Amino acid sequence: MSNEFTAQEIRDAAMTARVHSPGFTEDMFESLMDIEKHIADSGYLEVIQGLLRLEAEKGISCTEALDACKKLLEQKTRLERDVLALEKRVESLITQRKQISIELEQVQKETAKAGQELGQIRSQCTAAEKNMDALNKKLEKGKQRIGKEIEEYYRQANVTKEEVITASQIKAAVENCGFTLELMLGLSKEFAGHKNVRKELSEGLEKHGSLNKFLKDLATWSNEEKTRVTDEIHGLESQKETLKGESVHLKNVLSKLQADIKGEEQLRRFYYRYVAVSGLMEHLAGWNQIFFVRCTNPAFVITGAFDANSGNAQFWTDKPPSMCPQCGYRQLVYDERIYQTLGRPVGFPGKLTLGEYNAQEQKKEKNN
C-alpha cells in the first residue's frame, strides 16, 4: 500500500489543520511531507548537521558552502578536461620522440652507407691510378718499340740517320728537276759500271725492256713499305692521343672524387657537431618570432667581473622583453653579437628558419 497522500486527502488534512492554525495551506502541508521524507533519510540529517557545524565553527553559511561546492565541482570538471588534454599532449610528444628516433636511426644508416660508398670511391680512385700508371708504362714501351723498329730499319737498310737526311735532300733536288729518286737510283744501278751509258741504254731498252720492269717492281715495293710504316706510325699516334685523353679524363675523375671526399668530410663534421642540438633548433624554429636579450643590471656587472656564472642574464624570448626573468631589472638591451652572427638588424623580430634537404636539387647541382 502506498504511503503517499492523494489530492483529496491533502485538502482534508489542510482543512483540519486550519482549525488550529488558520494560515495553514496545502503547499505548507506538501512541504511538511517533503521534510518528513528527508528526515527519514539518515544521510540528509548528516548533511544538515554538517552544514550547521560548518556554520557554527567556521562561520560559513549554508549558501556559501553550496556555492563553494558548486565551484569545486566546476573546477573538478575543468581539471578533468585539462588532464585529458595533457594526456593527449603527452601521447603526441611520445609519438614525436619515436619519429625523431626513427629519423635519427635513418640518418645514421645513411651516414654508414655514405661511408661505404666513400670507401668504394677510394678503391676506384686507387684502381684508376693504377690503370693510369699502366697506360703510361704501355705508352712508354710503345715509344721504345717504335724507336727500336726505326733503328732496325736503318740497320737493315745499312744507312744512318744522317744518310737518310742527305737522301731526303737529294730526293727534293731530283724532284725539282722533274724526276723521282727511285728512277734515278734505278738508272744508277742499271748502268753502273758501263762506260757508254746512253748507247747501252738505248740498246737495252730496244732489246730487253728490263729497266721498266725493274723500276716498276722497285716502286711497288717502296710504296708498300712506305704505306705500312706510315700506317703503323699513324696507329701509334692515334693510340697515344687516346691514352692522353684517357689520362686527362681519369685525372678529372680523380679531382672530382677528391672534392667529393672533402665535401663528405665537412658534412660529417657538421652533423656530429650539431645533431645533439637539432631538437632545440627545431623548437626555436617553431616560434613565430625570437628576441635575443641581455640584462644590464649594474649589480650583476660587478659580480660577473669575478664570476661569469654570477653575471648578467642572457635569455631568448618570443615576445618583446619587458624585464629580466632573473632579477626583474627593466633596463634590457638586445644581444648585438647574436644578431651580427645571424646577419640581422639588432632587435629585428625575425623567425629562425632552418634549411630543407632537397635531393633533386642536390643531384642537379652535383651534375653541374
Protein backbone atom coordinates (compact mmCIF):
# COMPACT_ATOMS: atom_id res chain seq x y z
CA MET A 1 0.00 0.00 0.00
CA SER A 2 1.41 3.40 -0.93
CA ASN A 3 2.39 5.93 1.78
CA GLU A 4 1.66 8.93 -0.45
CA PHE A 5 -1.47 11.07 0.09
CA THR A 6 -3.95 11.76 -2.62
CA ALA A 7 -5.02 15.30 -3.54
CA GLN A 8 -8.31 14.92 -1.62
CA GLU A 9 -6.53 13.62 1.47
CA ILE A 10 -4.15 16.61 1.34
CA ARG A 11 -7.12 19.05 1.15
CA ASP A 12 -8.83 17.31 4.06
CA ALA A 13 -5.66 17.43 6.18
CA ALA A 14 -5.19 21.14 5.37
CA MET A 15 -8.81 21.93 6.40
CA THR A 16 -8.28 20.04 9.66
CA ALA A 17 -5.04 21.97 10.33
CA ARG A 18 -6.77 25.33 9.72
CA VAL A 19 -8.87 24.66 12.76
CA HIS A 20 -5.76 25.09 14.92
CA SER A 21 -3.86 27.40 12.56
CA PRO A 22 -5.98 29.49 10.16
CA GLY A 23 -2.92 30.38 7.91
CA PHE A 24 -2.04 26.76 7.12
CA THR A 25 -2.17 25.93 3.37
CA GLU A 26 -1.92 22.86 1.18
CA ASP A 27 1.57 23.91 -0.02
CA MET A 28 2.75 24.03 3.57
CA PHE A 29 1.38 20.53 4.05
CA GLU A 30 3.30 19.25 1.00
CA SER A 31 6.45 20.92 2.35
CA LEU A 32 5.96 19.10 5.64
CA MET A 33 5.61 15.84 3.74
CA ASP A 34 8.87 16.51 1.87
CA ILE A 35 10.63 17.31 5.13
CA GLU A 36 9.30 14.08 6.60
CA LYS A 37 10.76 12.12 3.67
CA HIS A 38 14.17 13.81 4.05
CA ILE A 39 14.18 13.18 7.79
CA ALA A 40 13.61 9.51 7.07
CA ASP A 41 16.92 9.56 5.11
CA SER A 42 19.83 9.38 7.60
CA GLY A 43 22.24 10.89 5.06
CA TYR A 44 20.13 14.04 4.77
CA LEU A 45 20.28 14.55 8.51
CA GLU A 46 24.05 14.09 8.45
CA VAL A 47 24.36 16.73 5.71
CA ILE A 48 22.18 19.16 7.71
CA GLN A 49 24.26 18.52 10.83
CA GLY A 50 27.47 19.04 8.85
CA LEU A 51 26.23 22.35 7.45
CA LEU A 52 25.17 23.52 10.90
CA ARG A 53 28.52 22.52 12.35
CA LEU A 54 30.34 24.28 9.48
CA GLU A 55 28.34 27.45 10.09
CA ALA A 56 28.97 27.25 13.84
CA GLU A 57 32.70 26.54 13.71
CA LYS A 58 33.83 28.37 10.56
CA GLY A 59 31.15 31.00 10.22
CA ILE A 60 30.28 29.77 6.70
CA SER A 61 26.63 29.83 5.84
CA CYS A 62 24.80 27.04 4.03
CA THR A 63 24.52 29.16 0.87
CA GLU A 64 28.24 29.88 0.82
CA ALA A 65 29.02 26.21 1.36
CA LEU A 66 26.75 25.24 -1.54
CA ASP A 67 28.34 27.91 -3.78
CA ALA A 68 31.82 26.70 -2.81
CA CYS A 69 30.77 23.12 -3.51
CA LYS A 70 29.44 24.17 -6.91
CA LYS A 71 32.69 25.96 -7.73
CA LEU A 72 34.71 22.92 -6.64
CA LEU A 73 32.61 20.68 -8.86
CA GLU A 74 33.12 23.05 -11.80
CA GLN A 75 36.85 23.18 -11.06
CA LYS A 76 36.91 19.38 -10.91
CA THR A 77 35.22 19.18 -14.32
CA ARG A 78 37.68 21.69 -15.77
CA LEU A 79 40.67 19.87 -14.27
CA GLU A 80 39.43 16.57 -15.70
CA ARG A 81 39.28 18.19 -19.16
CA ASP A 82 42.78 19.60 -18.63
CA VAL A 83 44.04 16.16 -17.60
CA LEU A 84 42.61 14.63 -20.79
CA ALA A 85 44.25 17.38 -22.89
CA LEU A 86 47.58 16.86 -21.11
CA GLU A 87 47.37 13.10 -21.66
CA LYS A 88 46.80 13.70 -25.38
CA ARG A 89 49.75 16.14 -25.40
CA VAL A 90 51.97 13.51 -23.70
CA GLU A 91 50.92 10.92 -26.29
CA SER A 92 51.71 13.42 -29.07
CA LEU A 93 55.16 14.13 -27.59
CA ILE A 94 55.87 10.40 -27.25
CA THR A 95 54.90 9.92 -30.92
CA GLN A 96 57.16 12.83 -31.97
CA ARG A 97 60.02 11.38 -29.92
CA LYS A 98 59.61 8.00 -31.61
CA GLN A 99 59.51 9.69 -35.03
CA ILE A 100 62.70 11.64 -34.22
CA SER A 101 64.38 8.40 -33.08
CA ILE A 102 63.40 6.72 -36.35
CA GLU A 103 64.71 9.68 -38.38
CA LEU A 104 67.96 9.69 -36.38
CA GLU A 105 68.42 5.98 -36.99
CA GLN A 106 67.78 6.55 -40.71
CA VAL A 107 70.37 9.35 -40.77
CA GLN A 108 72.88 7.07 -39.05
CA LYS A 109 72.22 4.34 -41.62
CA GLU A 110 72.61 6.82 -44.48
CA THR A 111 75.86 8.06 -42.91
CA ALA A 112 77.17 4.49 -42.69
CA LYS A 113 76.10 3.89 -46.30
CA ALA A 114 77.86 7.09 -47.37
CA GLY A 115 80.99 5.85 -45.60
CA GLN A 116 80.82 2.57 -47.51
CA GLU A 117 80.32 4.42 -50.80
CA LEU A 118 83.26 6.64 -49.92
CA GLY A 119 85.40 3.55 -49.39
CA GLN A 120 84.30 2.21 -52.78
CA ILE A 121 85.13 5.56 -54.38
CA ARG A 122 88.58 5.46 -52.82
CA SER A 123 89.07 1.94 -54.14
CA GLN A 124 88.00 3.12 -57.60
CA CYS A 125 90.44 6.03 -57.36
CA THR A 126 93.25 3.62 -56.45
CA ALA A 127 92.32 1.35 -59.37
CA ALA A 128 92.14 4.37 -61.72
CA GLU A 129 95.61 5.50 -60.61
CA LYS A 130 96.96 2.01 -61.23
CA ASN A 131 95.35 1.94 -64.68
CA MET A 132 96.86 5.34 -65.44
CA ASP A 133 100.31 4.12 -64.43
CA ALA A 134 99.84 1.01 -66.57
CA LEU A 135 98.79 3.14 -69.57
CA ASN A 136 101.78 5.42 -69.12
CA LYS A 137 104.08 2.40 -68.97
CA LYS A 138 102.42 0.94 -72.06
CA LEU A 139 102.82 4.25 -73.89
CA GLU A 140 106.48 4.42 -72.94
CA LYS A 141 107.01 0.85 -74.11
CA GLY A 142 105.30 1.71 -77.42
CA LYS A 143 107.66 4.66 -77.93
CA GLN A 144 110.66 2.47 -77.17
CA ARG A 145 109.41 -0.23 -79.56
CA ILE A 146 108.91 2.30 -82.37
CA GLY A 147 112.40 3.66 -81.77
CA LYS A 148 113.88 0.17 -81.91
CA GLU A 149 111.95 -0.65 -85.10
CA ILE A 150 113.22 2.53 -86.77
CA GLU A 151 116.77 1.66 -85.73
CA GLU A 152 116.24 -1.85 -87.11
CA TYR A 153 115.05 -0.38 -90.41
CA TYR A 154 118.15 1.77 -90.51
CA ARG A 155 120.31 -1.31 -89.84
CA GLN A 156 118.54 -3.42 -92.45
CA ALA A 157 118.90 -0.63 -94.96
CA ASN A 158 122.55 -0.23 -93.91
CA VAL A 159 122.13 3.51 -93.51
CA THR A 160 122.43 6.05 -90.74
CA LYS A 161 120.14 8.83 -89.75
CA GLU A 162 122.44 11.39 -91.34
CA GLU A 163 122.40 9.43 -94.60
CA VAL A 164 118.61 9.40 -94.58
CA ILE A 165 118.59 13.18 -94.15
CA THR A 166 121.06 13.52 -97.03
CA ALA A 167 118.90 11.21 -99.20
CA SER A 168 115.89 13.38 -98.43
CA GLN A 169 117.75 16.45 -99.58
CA ILE A 170 118.83 14.65 -102.79
CA LYS A 171 115.27 13.49 -103.40
CA ALA A 172 113.99 17.04 -103.10
CA ALA A 173 116.62 18.27 -105.58
CA VAL A 174 115.80 15.47 -108.07
CA GLU A 175 112.04 16.13 -107.80
CA ASN A 176 112.68 19.81 -108.54
CA CYS A 177 114.18 18.67 -111.85
CA GLY A 178 111.04 16.66 -112.72
CA PHE A 179 112.38 13.18 -111.80
CA THR A 180 111.87 10.79 -108.87
CA LEU A 181 114.55 9.47 -106.58
CA GLU A 182 113.51 5.88 -107.32
CA LEU A 183 114.01 6.49 -111.02
CA MET A 184 117.46 7.94 -110.52
CA LEU A 185 118.53 5.09 -108.23
CA GLY A 186 117.24 2.52 -110.68
CA LEU A 187 119.09 4.14 -113.50
CA SER A 188 122.26 4.34 -111.48
CA LYS A 189 122.02 0.65 -110.54
CA GLU A 190 121.10 -0.38 -114.05
CA PHE A 191 124.02 1.33 -115.70
CA ALA A 192 126.65 1.15 -113.01
CA GLY A 193 129.97 0.09 -114.47
CA HIS A 194 129.06 0.93 -118.02
CA LYS A 195 131.20 3.40 -119.90
CA ASN A 196 128.78 4.48 -122.67
CA VAL A 197 125.57 4.52 -120.68
CA ARG A 198 123.46 6.35 -123.25
CA LYS A 199 124.26 3.94 -126.03
CA GLU A 200 123.83 0.82 -123.93
CA LEU A 201 120.57 2.18 -122.50
CA SER A 202 119.12 2.61 -125.96
CA GLU A 203 120.20 -0.87 -126.98
CA GLY A 204 118.92 -2.44 -123.73
CA LEU A 205 115.55 -0.82 -123.99
CA GLU A 206 115.13 -1.96 -127.59
CA LYS A 207 116.37 -5.48 -126.85
CA HIS A 208 115.25 -6.35 -123.28
CA GLY A 209 112.98 -3.72 -121.81
CA SER A 210 114.27 -4.69 -118.32
CA LEU A 211 114.60 -1.16 -117.00
CA ASN A 212 110.83 -0.52 -116.89
CA LYS A 213 110.19 -3.82 -115.17
CA PHE A 214 112.85 -3.15 -112.60
CA LEU A 215 111.66 0.35 -111.91
CA LYS A 216 108.07 -0.85 -111.62
CA ASP A 217 108.91 -3.58 -109.09
CA LEU A 218 111.14 -1.23 -107.14
CA ALA A 219 108.43 1.46 -106.97
CA THR A 220 105.79 -1.09 -105.90
CA TRP A 221 107.93 -2.43 -103.05
CA SER A 222 108.85 1.08 -101.93
CA ASN A 223 105.21 2.24 -101.89
CA GLU A 224 104.05 -0.82 -99.95
CA GLU A 225 106.82 -0.42 -97.37
CA LYS A 226 106.15 3.27 -97.05
CA THR A 227 102.41 2.66 -96.62
CA ARG A 228 102.99 0.03 -93.94
CA VAL A 229 105.37 2.20 -91.93
CA THR A 230 103.10 5.24 -92.30
CA ASP A 231 100.00 3.28 -91.17
CA GLU A 232 101.84 1.91 -88.17
CA ILE A 233 103.07 5.37 -87.18
CA HIS A 234 99.55 6.77 -87.54
CA GLY A 235 98.17 3.91 -85.43
CA LEU A 236 100.70 4.57 -82.68
CA GLU A 237 99.98 8.30 -82.77
CA SER A 238 96.24 7.61 -82.56
CA GLN A 239 96.84 5.26 -79.63
CA LYS A 240 98.97 7.94 -77.98
CA GLU A 241 96.18 10.53 -78.32
CA THR A 242 93.65 8.05 -76.95
CA LEU A 243 95.87 7.35 -73.96
CA LYS A 244 96.32 11.08 -73.40
CA GLY A 245 92.54 11.58 -73.47
CA GLU A 246 92.00 8.72 -71.01
CA SER A 247 94.71 10.14 -68.77
CA VAL A 248 93.05 13.60 -68.73
CA HIS A 249 89.63 12.01 -68.05
CA LEU A 250 90.98 9.92 -65.17
CA LYS A 251 92.71 12.97 -63.70
CA ASN A 252 89.41 14.88 -63.85
CA VAL A 253 87.58 11.97 -62.22
CA LEU A 254 90.24 11.77 -59.51
CA SER A 255 89.99 15.52 -58.84
CA LYS A 256 86.20 15.31 -58.62
CA LEU A 257 86.37 12.32 -56.28
CA GLN A 258 88.82 14.14 -54.03
CA ALA A 259 86.45 17.14 -53.93
CA ASP A 260 83.54 14.78 -53.08
CA ILE A 261 85.58 13.21 -50.28
CA LYS A 262 86.34 16.64 -48.85
CA GLY A 263 82.66 17.63 -49.02
CA GLU A 264 81.60 14.37 -47.34
CA GLU A 265 84.09 15.00 -44.54
CA GLN A 266 82.74 18.53 -43.99
CA LEU A 267 79.15 17.23 -43.87
CA ARG A 268 80.16 14.54 -41.40
CA ARG A 269 81.88 17.05 -39.08
CA PHE A 270 78.85 19.38 -39.27
CA TYR A 271 76.44 16.53 -38.49
CA TYR A 272 78.28 15.23 -35.41
CA ARG A 273 78.78 18.78 -34.12
CA TYR A 274 75.12 19.92 -34.33
CA VAL A 275 72.97 16.76 -34.26
CA ALA A 276 72.75 16.90 -30.45
CA VAL A 277 71.03 20.33 -30.55
CA SER A 278 68.80 19.63 -33.54
CA GLY A 279 65.77 19.29 -31.26
CA LEU A 280 66.47 22.71 -29.71
CA MET A 281 66.79 24.31 -33.15
CA GLU A 282 63.54 22.67 -34.32
CA HIS A 283 61.80 24.01 -31.18
CA LEU A 284 63.12 27.56 -31.72
CA ALA A 285 62.13 27.38 -35.40
CA GLY A 286 58.54 26.81 -34.24
CA TRP A 287 58.43 30.28 -32.63
CA ASN A 288 56.79 32.99 -34.73
CA GLN A 289 59.49 35.45 -33.67
CA ILE A 290 62.56 35.41 -31.44
CA PHE A 291 64.42 38.10 -29.50
CA PHE A 292 67.98 37.76 -28.12
CA VAL A 293 68.16 39.88 -24.96
CA ARG A 294 70.80 40.78 -22.37
CA CYS A 295 70.24 42.27 -18.89
CA THR A 296 72.28 45.38 -17.93
CA ASN A 297 71.77 45.35 -14.15
CA PRO A 298 74.91 47.14 -12.80
CA ALA A 299 74.96 44.97 -9.68
CA PHE A 300 75.47 41.81 -11.73
CA VAL A 301 78.05 43.58 -13.91
CA ILE A 302 80.28 43.84 -10.81
CA THR A 303 79.69 40.23 -9.69
CA GLY A 304 80.15 38.98 -13.26
CA ALA A 305 83.64 40.51 -13.31
CA PHE A 306 84.67 37.96 -10.64
CA ASP A 307 82.47 35.02 -11.61
CA ALA A 308 80.96 34.56 -15.09
CA ASN A 309 78.10 32.47 -13.67
CA SER A 310 77.07 35.39 -11.46
CA GLY A 311 76.99 37.96 -14.28
CA ASN A 312 74.08 39.48 -16.16
CA ALA A 313 71.47 37.12 -17.55
CA GLN A 314 71.20 36.43 -21.28
CA PHE A 315 67.91 34.99 -22.49
CA TRP A 316 65.76 34.36 -25.59
CA THR A 317 62.05 35.10 -25.78
CA ASP A 318 59.25 35.02 -28.37
CA LYS A 319 57.73 38.30 -27.16
CA PRO A 320 59.23 41.80 -26.80
CA PRO A 321 61.10 41.75 -23.45
CA SER A 322 59.94 43.94 -20.56
CA MET A 323 62.02 42.78 -17.59
CA CYS A 324 64.80 40.38 -16.68
CA PRO A 325 63.43 36.97 -15.57
CA GLN A 326 66.35 36.59 -13.15
CA CYS A 327 66.44 39.92 -11.26
CA GLY A 328 63.39 41.85 -12.54
CA TYR A 329 65.58 44.67 -13.87
CA ARG A 330 63.83 46.58 -16.68
CA GLN A 331 66.82 48.13 -18.48
CA LEU A 332 67.40 45.47 -21.13
CA VAL A 333 69.35 45.54 -24.41
CA TYR A 334 69.42 43.26 -27.43
CA ASP A 335 72.45 40.98 -27.75
CA GLU A 336 74.29 42.57 -30.71
CA ARG A 337 76.71 39.65 -31.19
CA ILE A 338 73.98 37.14 -31.94
CA TYR A 339 72.23 39.50 -34.39
CA GLN A 340 75.56 40.18 -36.14
CA THR A 341 76.20 36.42 -36.37
CA LEU A 342 72.75 35.90 -37.97
CA GLY A 343 73.23 38.95 -40.26
CA ARG A 344 70.09 40.67 -39.00
CA PRO A 345 69.41 44.20 -37.70
CA VAL A 346 69.67 44.48 -33.92
CA GLY A 347 66.24 43.95 -32.34
CA PHE A 348 64.71 42.61 -35.56
CA PRO A 349 61.86 40.19 -34.54
CA GLY A 350 62.72 37.61 -37.15
CA LYS A 351 61.78 33.94 -37.30
CA LEU A 352 64.50 31.30 -37.08
CA THR A 353 64.36 29.50 -40.45
CA LEU A 354 66.07 26.14 -40.93
CA GLY A 355 67.22 24.79 -44.29
CA GLU A 356 65.48 21.92 -46.06
CA TYR A 357 67.17 18.99 -47.81
CA ASN A 358 66.16 18.67 -51.47
CA ALA A 359 67.60 15.51 -53.06
CA GLN A 360 66.73 16.55 -56.64
CA GLU A 361 68.40 19.96 -56.29
CA GLN A 362 71.47 18.37 -54.68
CA LYS A 363 71.74 15.86 -57.54
CA LYS A 364 71.28 18.61 -60.17
CA GLU A 365 73.96 20.77 -58.51
CA LYS A 366 76.32 17.79 -58.33
CA ASN A 367 75.85 17.00 -62.04
CA ASN A 368 76.50 20.65 -62.97
